[in-house]
Protein backbone atom coordinates (compact mmCIF):
# COMPACT_ATOMS: atom_id res chain seq x y z
CA MET A 1 -50.62 -21.56 96.67
CA ALA A 2 -47.25 -22.58 95.29
CA ARG A 3 -48.54 -26.05 94.43
CA GLU A 4 -51.53 -24.64 92.56
CA GLN A 5 -49.30 -22.19 90.75
CA LEU A 6 -46.99 -24.98 89.71
CA GLY A 7 -49.87 -27.05 88.35
CA VAL A 8 -50.89 -24.25 86.02
CA LEU A 9 -47.31 -23.63 84.89
CA LYS A 10 -46.60 -27.31 84.33
CA ALA A 11 -49.67 -27.50 82.14
CA LEU A 12 -48.43 -24.52 80.13
CA ASP A 13 -45.02 -26.12 79.64
CA ALA A 14 -46.54 -29.42 78.55
CA ALA A 15 -49.34 -28.00 76.33
CA LYS A 16 -49.24 -29.18 72.75
CA THR A 17 -48.81 -26.59 70.02
CA GLN A 18 -52.28 -25.30 69.16
CA TRP A 19 -53.89 -22.76 66.87
CA TYR A 20 -53.87 -20.13 69.61
CA HIS A 21 -50.08 -20.24 69.76
CA PHE A 22 -49.98 -19.20 66.11
CA THR A 23 -52.61 -16.53 66.75
CA ALA A 24 -50.41 -15.14 69.54
CA ILE A 25 -47.40 -15.17 67.22
CA LEU A 26 -49.35 -13.23 64.61
CA VAL A 27 -50.83 -10.70 67.04
CA ALA A 28 -47.56 -10.07 68.87
CA GLY A 29 -45.61 -10.28 65.62
CA MET A 30 -47.67 -7.65 63.84
CA GLY A 31 -46.70 -5.21 66.56
CA PHE A 32 -43.08 -6.02 65.91
CA PHE A 33 -43.70 -5.83 62.16
CA THR A 34 -44.90 -2.26 62.72
CA ASP A 35 -41.93 -1.50 64.99
CA ALA A 36 -39.47 -2.49 62.26
CA TYR A 37 -41.35 -0.67 59.52
CA ASP A 38 -41.56 2.57 61.50
CA LEU A 39 -37.94 2.52 62.67
CA PHE A 40 -36.32 1.67 59.34
CA CYS A 41 -38.56 3.46 56.83
CA ILE A 42 -36.93 6.78 57.72
CA SER A 43 -33.69 5.64 56.06
CA LEU A 44 -35.64 5.29 52.80
CA VAL A 45 -36.73 8.92 52.71
CA THR A 46 -33.83 10.91 54.19
CA LYS A 47 -32.30 11.65 50.78
CA LEU A 48 -35.69 12.75 49.48
CA LEU A 49 -36.15 15.01 52.52
CA GLY A 50 -32.77 16.58 51.81
CA ARG A 51 -33.76 17.33 48.21
CA ILE A 52 -37.15 18.78 49.13
CA TYR A 53 -36.16 21.00 52.03
CA TYR A 54 -32.44 21.70 51.69
CA THR A 55 -31.66 22.09 47.99
CA VAL A 56 -29.85 25.39 47.34
CA PRO A 57 -30.82 26.98 43.99
CA GLY A 58 -27.88 26.99 41.62
CA SER A 59 -25.97 24.27 43.48
CA LEU A 60 -24.20 21.58 41.46
CA LYS A 61 -25.58 18.89 43.78
CA PRO A 62 -29.08 18.32 45.14
CA GLY A 63 -29.69 19.16 48.78
CA THR A 64 -28.95 16.80 51.65
CA LEU A 65 -29.98 16.94 55.29
CA PRO A 66 -27.46 18.94 57.37
CA PRO A 67 -25.59 16.76 59.89
CA ASN A 68 -27.53 17.97 62.92
CA VAL A 69 -30.87 17.48 61.16
CA ALA A 70 -29.87 14.04 59.81
CA ASN A 71 -28.81 13.00 63.30
CA ALA A 72 -32.09 14.17 64.78
CA VAL A 73 -34.33 12.61 62.11
CA ASN A 74 -32.46 9.28 62.16
CA GLY A 75 -31.87 9.07 65.90
CA VAL A 76 -34.83 10.68 67.66
CA ALA A 77 -37.04 7.59 67.34
CA PHE A 78 -34.29 5.55 69.02
CA CYS A 79 -34.26 8.01 71.92
CA GLY A 80 -38.01 7.58 72.28
CA THR A 81 -37.68 3.81 72.01
CA LEU A 82 -35.08 3.73 74.78
CA ALA A 83 -37.33 5.76 77.08
CA GLY A 84 -40.36 3.62 76.20
CA GLN A 85 -38.54 0.37 76.89
CA LEU A 86 -37.58 1.49 80.38
CA PHE A 87 -40.98 3.01 81.21
CA PHE A 88 -43.24 0.30 79.81
CA GLY A 89 -40.87 -2.41 81.03
CA TRP A 90 -41.44 -1.17 84.58
CA LEU A 91 -45.18 -0.58 84.01
CA GLY A 92 -45.75 -4.05 82.56
CA ASP A 93 -44.48 -5.69 85.75
CA LYS A 94 -46.64 -3.41 87.89
CA LEU A 95 -49.95 -3.41 85.99
CA GLY A 96 -49.71 -6.58 83.95
CA ARG A 97 -48.95 -7.35 80.33
CA LYS A 98 -52.47 -6.93 78.95
CA ARG A 99 -53.15 -3.48 80.39
CA VAL A 100 -50.26 -1.79 78.63
CA TYR A 101 -50.52 -3.76 75.38
CA GLY A 102 -53.24 -1.53 73.94
CA ILE A 103 -51.61 1.71 75.08
CA THR A 104 -48.46 1.13 73.08
CA LEU A 105 -50.42 0.19 69.96
CA ILE A 106 -52.60 3.32 70.06
CA LEU A 107 -49.52 5.49 70.52
CA MET A 108 -47.85 3.87 67.53
CA VAL A 109 -50.88 4.34 65.27
CA VAL A 110 -51.44 8.00 66.20
CA CYS A 111 -47.78 9.01 65.92
CA ALA A 112 -47.19 7.17 62.64
CA LEU A 113 -50.05 9.13 61.11
CA ALA A 114 -48.90 12.37 62.71
CA SER A 115 -45.35 11.86 61.40
CA GLY A 116 -46.67 11.94 57.86
CA LEU A 117 -48.68 15.06 58.61
CA SER A 118 -45.68 17.01 59.89
CA PHE A 119 -46.19 20.69 59.15
CA GLY A 120 -44.32 23.97 59.21
CA HIS A 121 -43.70 27.17 57.25
CA SER A 122 -40.01 26.37 56.91
CA ALA A 123 -37.71 23.39 56.63
CA LYS A 124 -36.83 23.72 60.31
CA GLY A 125 -40.50 23.70 61.26
CA VAL A 126 -41.24 20.53 59.29
CA MET A 127 -38.18 18.73 60.65
CA ALA A 128 -38.94 19.79 64.23
CA THR A 129 -42.52 18.55 63.97
CA LEU A 130 -41.37 15.31 62.36
CA CYS A 131 -38.84 14.73 65.13
CA PHE A 132 -41.43 15.43 67.83
CA PHE A 133 -43.85 12.82 66.53
CA ARG A 134 -41.12 10.29 65.78
CA PHE A 135 -39.92 10.55 69.37
CA TRP A 136 -43.36 9.55 70.67
CA LEU A 137 -43.66 6.93 67.95
CA GLY A 138 -40.42 5.48 69.28
CA PHE A 139 -41.80 5.67 72.82
CA GLY A 140 -44.68 3.41 71.83
CA ILE A 141 -42.37 1.09 69.90
CA GLY A 142 -40.17 0.83 72.99
CA GLY A 143 -43.07 -0.55 74.98
CA ASP A 144 -43.79 -3.13 72.32
CA TYR A 145 -40.34 -4.73 72.57
CA PRO A 146 -40.69 -6.24 76.09
CA LEU A 147 -44.43 -6.77 75.57
CA SER A 148 -44.14 -8.93 72.48
CA ALA A 149 -41.23 -11.01 73.78
CA THR A 150 -42.57 -11.55 77.29
CA ILE A 151 -46.13 -12.36 76.27
CA MET A 152 -44.96 -14.95 73.77
CA SER A 153 -42.50 -16.53 76.22
CA GLU A 154 -45.17 -16.80 78.91
CA TYR A 155 -47.76 -18.36 76.58
CA ALA A 156 -45.41 -20.88 74.97
CA ASN A 157 -44.53 -24.42 76.03
CA LYS A 158 -40.92 -25.12 76.88
CA LYS A 159 -40.29 -27.39 73.90
CA THR A 160 -40.99 -24.78 71.20
CA ARG A 161 -40.71 -21.54 73.19
CA GLY A 162 -37.57 -20.39 71.41
CA ALA A 163 -39.08 -20.88 67.95
CA PHE A 164 -42.26 -19.04 68.94
CA ILE A 165 -40.42 -15.98 70.27
CA ALA A 166 -38.08 -16.07 67.27
CA ALA A 167 -41.10 -16.15 64.95
CA VAL A 168 -42.42 -12.98 66.59
CA PHE A 169 -39.03 -11.35 66.13
CA ALA A 170 -38.83 -12.57 62.52
CA MET A 171 -41.71 -10.25 61.71
CA GLN A 172 -39.08 -7.51 61.89
CA GLY A 173 -37.76 -8.79 58.57
CA PHE A 174 -41.18 -8.54 56.95
CA GLY A 175 -41.54 -5.04 58.39
CA ASN A 176 -38.26 -4.07 56.72
CA LEU A 177 -39.30 -5.75 53.49
CA THR A 178 -42.68 -4.05 53.48
CA GLY A 179 -41.02 -0.68 54.02
CA GLY A 180 -38.92 -1.23 50.93
CA ILE A 181 -41.88 -2.47 48.86
CA VAL A 182 -44.11 0.44 49.90
CA ALA A 183 -41.34 2.90 49.04
CA LEU A 184 -40.84 1.19 45.65
CA ILE A 185 -44.55 1.32 44.81
CA VAL A 186 -45.14 4.88 45.96
CA SER A 187 -41.99 6.36 44.41
CA SER A 188 -42.53 4.45 41.17
CA ALA A 189 -46.17 5.54 40.91
CA PHE A 190 -45.30 9.19 41.47
CA ASP A 191 -42.33 8.98 39.11
CA HIS A 192 -44.56 7.67 36.34
CA ALA A 193 -47.19 10.32 37.01
CA TYR A 194 -44.79 13.24 37.48
CA ARG A 195 -41.63 12.16 35.70
CA GLY A 196 -38.78 14.63 35.94
CA PRO A 197 -35.31 14.88 34.39
CA ALA A 198 -32.05 14.27 36.24
CA TYR A 199 -30.85 17.03 38.53
CA ASN A 200 -27.84 17.85 36.36
CA ILE A 201 -30.16 18.42 33.38
CA ASN A 202 -32.83 20.56 35.03
CA PRO A 203 -32.51 21.01 38.81
CA ALA A 204 -35.92 22.62 39.31
CA ALA A 205 -37.86 20.10 37.19
CA SER A 206 -36.08 17.11 38.80
CA LEU A 207 -38.08 17.73 41.98
CA PRO A 208 -41.82 17.91 41.24
CA PRO A 209 -43.94 19.48 44.01
CA GLN A 210 -45.84 16.18 44.39
CA ALA A 211 -42.66 14.51 45.72
CA ASP A 212 -43.56 15.94 49.13
CA TYR A 213 -46.43 13.44 49.31
CA VAL A 214 -44.12 10.46 48.79
CA TRP A 215 -42.27 10.51 52.11
CA ARG A 216 -45.48 11.31 53.98
CA ILE A 217 -47.34 8.31 52.53
CA ILE A 218 -44.41 6.00 53.29
CA LEU A 219 -44.28 7.09 56.95
CA MET A 220 -48.07 7.03 57.45
CA PHE A 221 -48.45 3.51 56.06
CA GLY A 222 -46.92 2.18 59.30
CA ALA A 223 -50.19 2.93 61.12
CA ILE A 224 -52.20 0.42 59.09
CA PRO A 225 -50.85 -2.96 60.36
CA ALA A 226 -50.85 -1.72 63.95
CA ALA A 227 -54.47 -0.59 63.74
CA LEU A 228 -55.55 -3.90 62.20
CA THR A 229 -54.30 -5.90 65.20
CA TYR A 230 -55.76 -3.70 67.95
CA TYR A 231 -58.98 -5.73 68.36
CA TRP A 232 -57.12 -9.04 68.68
CA ARG A 233 -54.70 -7.61 71.22
CA MET A 234 -57.60 -6.54 73.41
CA LYS A 235 -59.08 -10.04 73.19
CA MET A 236 -55.91 -11.68 74.54
CA PRO A 237 -56.16 -12.50 78.27
CA GLU A 238 -53.43 -11.76 80.76
CA THR A 239 -50.65 -14.32 80.60
CA ALA A 240 -51.13 -17.22 83.00
CA ARG A 241 -47.62 -16.87 84.38
CA TYR A 242 -48.18 -13.25 85.39
CA THR A 243 -51.56 -14.06 86.91
CA ALA A 244 -50.24 -17.07 88.84
CA LEU A 245 -46.81 -15.85 89.92
CA VAL A 246 -47.24 -12.09 90.26
CA ALA A 247 -50.96 -11.52 90.81
CA LYS A 248 -51.07 -14.74 92.90
CA ASP A 249 -54.36 -15.94 91.38
CA ALA A 250 -53.71 -19.44 90.08
CA LYS A 251 -57.40 -20.26 89.60
CA LEU A 252 -57.93 -17.27 87.31
CA ALA A 253 -54.77 -18.26 85.44
CA ALA A 254 -56.22 -21.75 84.93
CA GLN A 255 -59.51 -20.30 83.70
CA ASP A 256 -57.78 -17.97 81.24
CA MET A 257 -55.57 -20.73 79.93
CA SER A 258 -58.56 -23.05 79.52
CA LYS A 259 -60.27 -20.49 77.28
CA VAL A 260 -57.43 -19.81 74.91
CA LEU A 261 -55.68 -23.20 74.81
CA GLN A 262 -58.86 -25.32 74.70
CA VAL A 263 -57.84 -27.10 77.90
CA ASP A 264 -60.19 -27.60 80.84
CA LEU A 265 -57.68 -27.28 83.63
CA GLN A 266 -58.76 -27.94 87.18
CA ALA A 267 -56.50 -28.28 90.20
CA GLU A 268 -57.41 -31.34 92.29
CA PHE A 269 -56.59 -29.87 95.68
CA GLU A 270 -57.87 -27.13 97.92
CA GLN A 271 -56.11 -23.81 97.83
CA VAL A 272 -54.33 -23.11 101.06
CA ARG A 273 -55.90 -20.02 102.57
CA THR A 274 -53.52 -17.21 103.22
CA ASP A 275 -55.23 -16.26 106.46
CA ILE A 276 -54.36 -19.73 107.83
CA GLU A 277 -50.85 -19.70 106.40
CA GLY A 278 -50.05 -16.37 107.99
CA PRO A 279 -47.84 -13.60 106.69
CA ALA A 280 -44.63 -15.56 107.17
CA GLN A 281 -45.80 -18.24 104.72
CA GLU A 282 -47.09 -15.69 102.24
CA LYS A 283 -43.73 -13.96 101.91
CA SER A 284 -41.66 -15.97 99.50
CA LYS A 285 -37.96 -16.23 99.60
CA ASN A 286 -38.11 -15.39 95.88
CA SER A 287 -39.66 -11.94 96.44
CA PHE A 288 -36.38 -10.03 96.10
CA GLY A 289 -36.39 -6.81 94.09
CA LEU A 290 -34.35 -5.59 91.15
CA PHE A 291 -31.82 -3.68 93.25
CA SER A 292 -31.43 -6.30 95.96
CA LYS A 293 -28.25 -8.22 96.75
CA GLN A 294 -30.08 -11.48 96.06
CA PHE A 295 -31.02 -10.37 92.55
CA MET A 296 -27.43 -9.35 91.85
CA LYS A 297 -26.24 -12.70 93.16
CA ARG A 298 -28.69 -14.74 91.08
CA HIS A 299 -29.17 -12.65 87.96
CA GLY A 300 -26.71 -9.74 88.02
CA ARG A 301 -24.25 -11.49 85.71
CA HIS A 302 -27.10 -12.42 83.37
CA LEU A 303 -28.36 -8.84 83.19
CA VAL A 304 -24.87 -7.60 82.38
CA GLY A 305 -24.63 -10.21 79.62
CA THR A 306 -28.01 -9.38 78.03
CA THR A 307 -27.52 -5.60 78.20
CA VAL A 308 -23.93 -5.50 76.92
CA CYS A 309 -24.56 -8.00 74.11
CA TRP A 310 -27.63 -6.10 72.93
CA PHE A 311 -25.76 -2.79 73.18
CA LEU A 312 -22.84 -4.02 71.08
CA LEU A 313 -25.05 -5.79 68.57
CA ASP A 314 -27.18 -2.73 67.91
CA ILE A 315 -24.18 -0.49 67.36
CA ALA A 316 -23.20 -2.75 64.49
CA PHE A 317 -26.67 -3.60 63.23
CA TYR A 318 -28.25 -0.16 63.16
CA SER A 319 -25.19 1.60 61.83
CA GLN A 320 -25.24 -0.79 58.87
CA ASN A 321 -28.91 -0.11 58.17
CA LEU A 322 -28.54 3.62 58.45
CA PHE A 323 -25.55 4.05 56.16
CA GLN A 324 -26.07 1.10 53.85
CA LYS A 325 -27.39 3.52 51.20
CA ASP A 326 -23.98 5.20 51.35
CA ILE A 327 -22.26 1.83 50.91
CA PHE A 328 -24.40 1.20 47.84
CA SER A 329 -23.38 4.58 46.48
CA ALA A 330 -19.71 3.78 47.07
CA ILE A 331 -19.89 0.50 45.14
CA GLY A 332 -22.02 1.90 42.33
CA TRP A 333 -25.43 0.35 43.08
CA ILE A 334 -26.84 3.85 43.60
CA PRO A 335 -25.64 6.31 40.95
CA ALA A 336 -24.46 9.80 41.84
CA ALA A 337 -27.32 11.99 43.03
CA PRO A 338 -27.03 14.63 40.26
CA THR A 339 -27.62 11.94 37.61
CA MET A 340 -31.11 11.13 38.97
CA SER A 341 -34.35 12.90 39.66
CA ALA A 342 -35.62 13.01 43.25
CA LEU A 343 -38.20 10.27 42.74
CA LYS A 344 -35.79 8.07 40.79
CA GLU A 345 -33.29 8.33 43.66
CA ALA A 346 -35.97 7.35 46.20
CA PHE A 347 -36.84 4.32 44.05
CA THR A 348 -33.18 3.31 43.68
CA VAL A 349 -32.49 3.52 47.43
CA ALA A 350 -35.61 1.46 48.18
CA ARG A 351 -34.67 -1.18 45.59
CA ALA A 352 -31.18 -1.63 47.04
CA GLN A 353 -32.48 -1.95 50.61
CA THR A 354 -35.21 -4.40 49.56
CA LEU A 355 -32.64 -6.65 47.89
CA ILE A 356 -30.52 -6.73 51.04
CA VAL A 357 -33.58 -7.57 53.17
CA LEU A 358 -34.56 -10.40 50.84
CA CYS A 359 -31.06 -11.85 50.54
CA GLY A 360 -29.69 -11.29 54.03
CA LEU A 361 -32.26 -10.42 56.67
CA ILE A 362 -35.30 -12.64 56.12
CA PRO A 363 -33.43 -15.96 55.59
CA GLY A 364 -31.46 -15.41 58.80
CA TYR A 365 -34.60 -14.82 60.87
CA TRP A 366 -36.22 -18.05 59.76
CA PHE A 367 -33.04 -20.09 60.16
CA THR A 368 -33.22 -18.98 63.80
CA VAL A 369 -36.85 -20.09 64.05
CA ALA A 370 -35.94 -23.49 62.60
CA PHE A 371 -32.84 -24.24 64.67
CA ILE A 372 -33.03 -22.33 67.96
CA ASP A 373 -34.67 -25.15 69.93
CA TYR A 374 -32.08 -27.60 68.60
CA LEU A 375 -28.84 -25.62 68.73
CA GLY A 376 -29.69 -23.42 71.70
CA ARG A 377 -29.77 -19.66 72.16
CA ARG A 378 -26.22 -19.15 73.35
CA THR A 379 -24.69 -21.28 70.62
CA ILE A 380 -26.51 -19.36 67.88
CA GLN A 381 -25.50 -16.03 69.43
CA ILE A 382 -21.82 -16.97 69.69
CA VAL A 383 -21.72 -18.33 66.14
CA GLY A 384 -23.56 -15.29 64.81
CA PHE A 385 -21.21 -12.80 66.47
CA PHE A 386 -18.23 -14.84 65.26
CA PHE A 387 -19.24 -14.79 61.60
CA MET A 388 -20.27 -11.13 61.77
CA THR A 389 -16.74 -10.43 62.97
CA VAL A 390 -15.21 -12.52 60.19
CA PHE A 391 -17.27 -10.95 57.41
CA MET A 392 -16.75 -7.40 58.68
CA PHE A 393 -12.99 -7.89 58.61
CA ALA A 394 -13.24 -9.63 55.24
CA LEU A 395 -15.01 -6.55 53.89
CA ALA A 396 -12.79 -4.01 55.61
CA ILE A 397 -9.23 -5.23 55.15
CA PRO A 398 -9.32 -5.52 51.32
CA TYR A 399 -11.91 -2.70 51.06
CA HIS A 400 -10.40 -1.19 47.90
CA HIS A 401 -10.70 -4.58 46.19
CA TRP A 402 -14.46 -4.63 46.80
CA THR A 403 -14.97 -1.12 45.40
CA LEU A 404 -13.68 -2.12 41.96
CA SER A 405 -16.51 -2.49 39.47
CA GLU A 406 -15.78 -6.17 38.74
CA ASN A 407 -16.02 -7.04 42.45
CA ARG A 408 -19.16 -5.14 43.42
CA ILE A 409 -21.43 -8.17 43.40
CA GLY A 410 -19.01 -9.97 45.71
CA PHE A 411 -19.15 -7.00 48.08
CA VAL A 412 -22.94 -7.18 48.23
CA VAL A 413 -22.83 -10.94 48.86
CA MET A 414 -20.40 -10.47 51.76
CA TYR A 415 -22.42 -7.59 53.14
CA SER A 416 -25.59 -9.70 52.92
CA LEU A 417 -23.89 -12.52 54.82
CA THR A 418 -23.18 -10.18 57.74
CA PHE A 419 -26.92 -9.48 57.90
CA PHE A 420 -27.70 -13.18 57.60
CA PHE A 421 -25.55 -14.04 60.61
CA ALA A 422 -26.85 -11.05 62.53
CA ASN A 423 -30.37 -12.47 62.23
CA PHE A 424 -29.34 -16.13 62.46
CA GLY A 425 -27.51 -14.95 65.54
CA PRO A 426 -27.50 -12.12 68.06
CA ASN A 427 -30.15 -9.88 66.54
CA ALA A 428 -32.72 -12.59 67.33
CA THR A 429 -31.21 -14.13 70.47
CA THR A 430 -30.64 -10.83 72.30
CA PHE A 431 -34.42 -10.37 71.98
CA ILE A 432 -35.26 -13.91 73.10
CA ILE A 433 -32.94 -14.58 76.05
CA PRO A 434 -34.06 -11.71 78.35
CA ALA A 435 -37.66 -12.91 77.98
CA GLU A 436 -36.71 -16.29 79.47
CA ILE A 437 -34.06 -16.02 82.18
CA PHE A 438 -35.51 -13.47 84.62
CA PRO A 439 -38.30 -13.93 87.24
CA ALA A 440 -41.88 -13.21 86.12
CA ARG A 441 -42.30 -10.20 88.41
CA LEU A 442 -39.11 -8.63 86.92
CA ARG A 443 -39.15 -10.15 83.44
CA PHE A 444 -40.71 -7.12 81.77
CA THR A 445 -38.37 -4.71 83.54
CA CYS A 446 -35.22 -6.69 82.77
CA HIS A 447 -36.19 -7.14 79.14
CA GLY A 448 -36.89 -3.41 78.94
CA ILE A 449 -33.47 -2.60 80.46
CA SER A 450 -31.73 -4.98 78.05
CA ALA A 451 -33.62 -3.58 75.06
CA ALA A 452 -32.92 0.00 76.20
CA ALA A 453 -29.21 -0.82 76.27
CA GLY A 454 -29.63 -2.04 72.72
CA LYS A 455 -31.26 1.21 71.67
CA ALA A 456 -28.41 3.11 73.35
CA GLY A 457 -26.16 1.16 71.00
CA ALA A 458 -28.45 2.02 68.09
CA ILE A 459 -28.09 5.70 68.98
CA VAL A 460 -24.32 5.33 68.95
CA GLY A 461 -24.57 3.69 65.55
CA ALA A 462 -27.11 6.17 64.17
CA PHE A 463 -25.27 9.27 65.37
CA GLY A 464 -21.65 8.16 65.51
CA PHE A 465 -21.34 6.35 62.22
CA LEU A 466 -22.95 9.13 60.22
CA TYR A 467 -19.74 10.98 61.07
CA ALA A 468 -17.31 8.07 61.29
CA ALA A 469 -18.07 6.72 57.83
CA GLN A 470 -17.20 10.03 56.16
CA SER A 471 -14.14 10.02 53.91
CA THR A 472 -10.77 11.07 55.26
CA ASN A 473 -10.51 13.30 52.15
CA PRO A 474 -12.32 16.64 52.84
CA ALA A 475 -13.29 16.89 49.17
CA LYS A 476 -15.25 13.61 49.33
CA THR A 477 -17.27 14.17 52.52
CA ASP A 478 -21.01 14.81 52.42
CA ALA A 479 -22.05 18.45 52.64
CA GLY A 480 -21.77 19.78 56.17
CA TYR A 481 -19.86 16.82 57.60
CA PRO A 482 -16.30 16.91 58.87
CA THR A 483 -13.86 14.26 57.75
CA GLY A 484 -14.26 10.86 59.37
CA ILE A 485 -12.28 7.67 59.62
CA GLY A 486 -13.60 6.36 56.30
CA MET A 487 -15.72 3.35 55.38
CA ARG A 488 -12.87 0.87 55.72
CA ASN A 489 -11.94 1.88 59.26
CA SER A 490 -15.61 2.04 60.22
CA LEU A 491 -16.06 -1.57 59.13
CA ILE A 492 -12.97 -2.59 61.13
CA ALA A 493 -14.42 -0.89 64.22
CA LEU A 494 -17.69 -2.76 63.73
CA GLY A 495 -15.77 -6.04 63.45
CA CYS A 496 -14.11 -5.38 66.82
CA ILE A 497 -17.49 -4.57 68.37
CA ASN A 498 -18.90 -7.89 67.15
CA PHE A 499 -15.92 -9.75 68.64
CA PHE A 500 -16.56 -8.31 72.10
CA GLY A 501 -20.22 -9.24 71.73
CA MET A 502 -19.16 -12.84 71.27
CA LEU A 503 -17.12 -12.72 74.49
CA PHE A 504 -19.93 -11.23 76.60
CA THR A 505 -22.33 -13.94 75.41
CA PHE A 506 -20.64 -16.34 77.83
CA LEU A 507 -22.28 -14.43 80.71
CA VAL A 508 -25.78 -15.61 79.81
CA PRO A 509 -27.13 -19.12 80.55
CA GLU A 510 -28.51 -21.55 78.01
CA SER A 511 -32.31 -21.72 78.28
CA LYS A 512 -33.03 -24.40 75.68
CA GLY A 513 -35.51 -27.03 76.85
CA LYS A 514 -35.97 -25.57 80.34
CA SER A 515 -39.15 -24.14 81.84
CA LEU A 516 -39.14 -20.46 82.74
CA GLU A 517 -39.53 -21.33 86.42
CA GLU A 518 -36.62 -23.77 86.28
CA LEU A 519 -34.45 -21.01 84.82
CA THR A 520 -35.47 -18.40 87.38
CA GLY A 521 -35.89 -20.61 90.48
CA GLU A 522 -39.35 -19.19 91.21
CA ILE A 523 -40.75 -22.51 92.46
CA ASP A 524 -39.16 -23.50 95.76
CA GLU A 525 -36.89 -26.51 95.44
CA GLU A 526 -38.19 -28.04 98.64
CA GLU A 527 -41.56 -28.70 96.98
CA ASN A 528 -40.08 -31.44 94.78
CA GLY A 529 -41.76 -34.78 95.09
CA GLN A 530 -45.36 -33.57 95.62
CA THR A 531 -47.91 -34.04 92.84
CA VAL A 532 -50.85 -32.18 91.38
CA GLU A 533 -53.60 -33.82 89.35
CA LEU A 534 -54.63 -31.81 86.30
CA HIS A 535 -57.72 -32.82 84.35
CA VAL A 536 -57.99 -31.79 80.72
CA SER A 537 -61.01 -31.65 78.43
CA THR A 538 -60.53 -35.25 77.24
CA SER A 539 -61.45 -36.41 80.80
CA THR A 540 -58.03 -37.94 81.25
CA SER A 541 -55.65 -36.80 83.95
CA ARG A 542 -52.02 -35.86 83.81
CA THR A 543 -49.79 -35.83 86.85
CA PHE A 544 -47.00 -33.27 87.17
CA PRO A 545 -44.34 -33.38 89.91
CA VAL A 546 -44.30 -30.38 92.23
């Protein structure tokens, strides 16, 4: 059986890049596109939610979400994502990749729509309903993380595997961008139709009743791209690596691969029957479990590296995304809330975030796609963490300098560069590496654990930095928040976090140019030297060493 398995896997590693590879990138990537849209679009509407549901009549400032509500609205989807990553990571190794692929997509579509339909007779009722549906939306998103990465890694050849997985992850940038564009279009359209004065001119008229539709439309739009890819996800066969290595059906793996990769693969030897081999032969020395001593010996250090790096990265990355609108306010890109109407503020926040995505996020993603199979995963991650550390300190130490009006553009450029090196760095590689370095039967689980550690870091960033970034001056804090350590000290803390991420990167191996089975040791070393003849559709044969 091992020889037949190896023939199928060798053919996968040697397969030329074909149209189906790009189809798989698109199908898996659209799930990740939706993940990014759904997770980040909430930061576009939180100020609008505060105005709609928490404005106090007669107040000099428009309403904002109370700290506990802001924490819940911003962070509850991350809690759901963490739970989904652990649950679906385990389920994907038990039932197979294909079986759970549709479940996560349906959950995402239903809960994205339901989030926009949140109801209640009071502000608390609406926020509670919104949080309920966003938790289950996050649960579905959590399943999509290990699914998208693992499926792409198991379909790809070893030469371009890194670029293919990175391309799937790069759809996160387009999800962010689309969130900003949708918010710009919707808020602009409503502002033109129901234009209101600034809050400090007429508080009541600055918030037209139709503004309640704006945030709902923005949240519900996330269901559309997920629904559009459902049919194609159901058409994808189980990955050949799962079928061959976990389900132990190499012939079915060859048949599935022949259909999607236009290769007529046929093993030129008879399968050894398990009833002749006996139970001793069937039990592989590579059948150790997640909590075994052998796993800890082989992969324990790697799992520590992937989980800690992802945890530290997401503290920095998600805290930046969640309070970047406050940074823009501090440097003057977003005017003071009382000087704008509700819809104008929503438009301004969306415009600022869209500019950062265009300048910092998207270029970094595609630099990773272009260079990851040349520079290597670990190199890109180390360099990315290093420059994130440098730019964070460069922003933090002379922070007052950057807040001066003549230096605001320089601040935005520096801030964009931290995002560039996050995406041409650990934000991409922490997603890619766990999909490559663990055995097939545990790959889903280990990726889910690593991603869940990342979402734990996102929760720290989402909850902790809402408080930490508050001014040390009680008169300058947001309503309902205690004093914090200030923006400058928050940026210094993030710089330190990035530095430790760079150090922990040395715990993970370099996977560039190696087959998945070479990385994990799933094919017994003593089989070296045997051969398997594989015939492809051109009627020529290729011989792979076993």
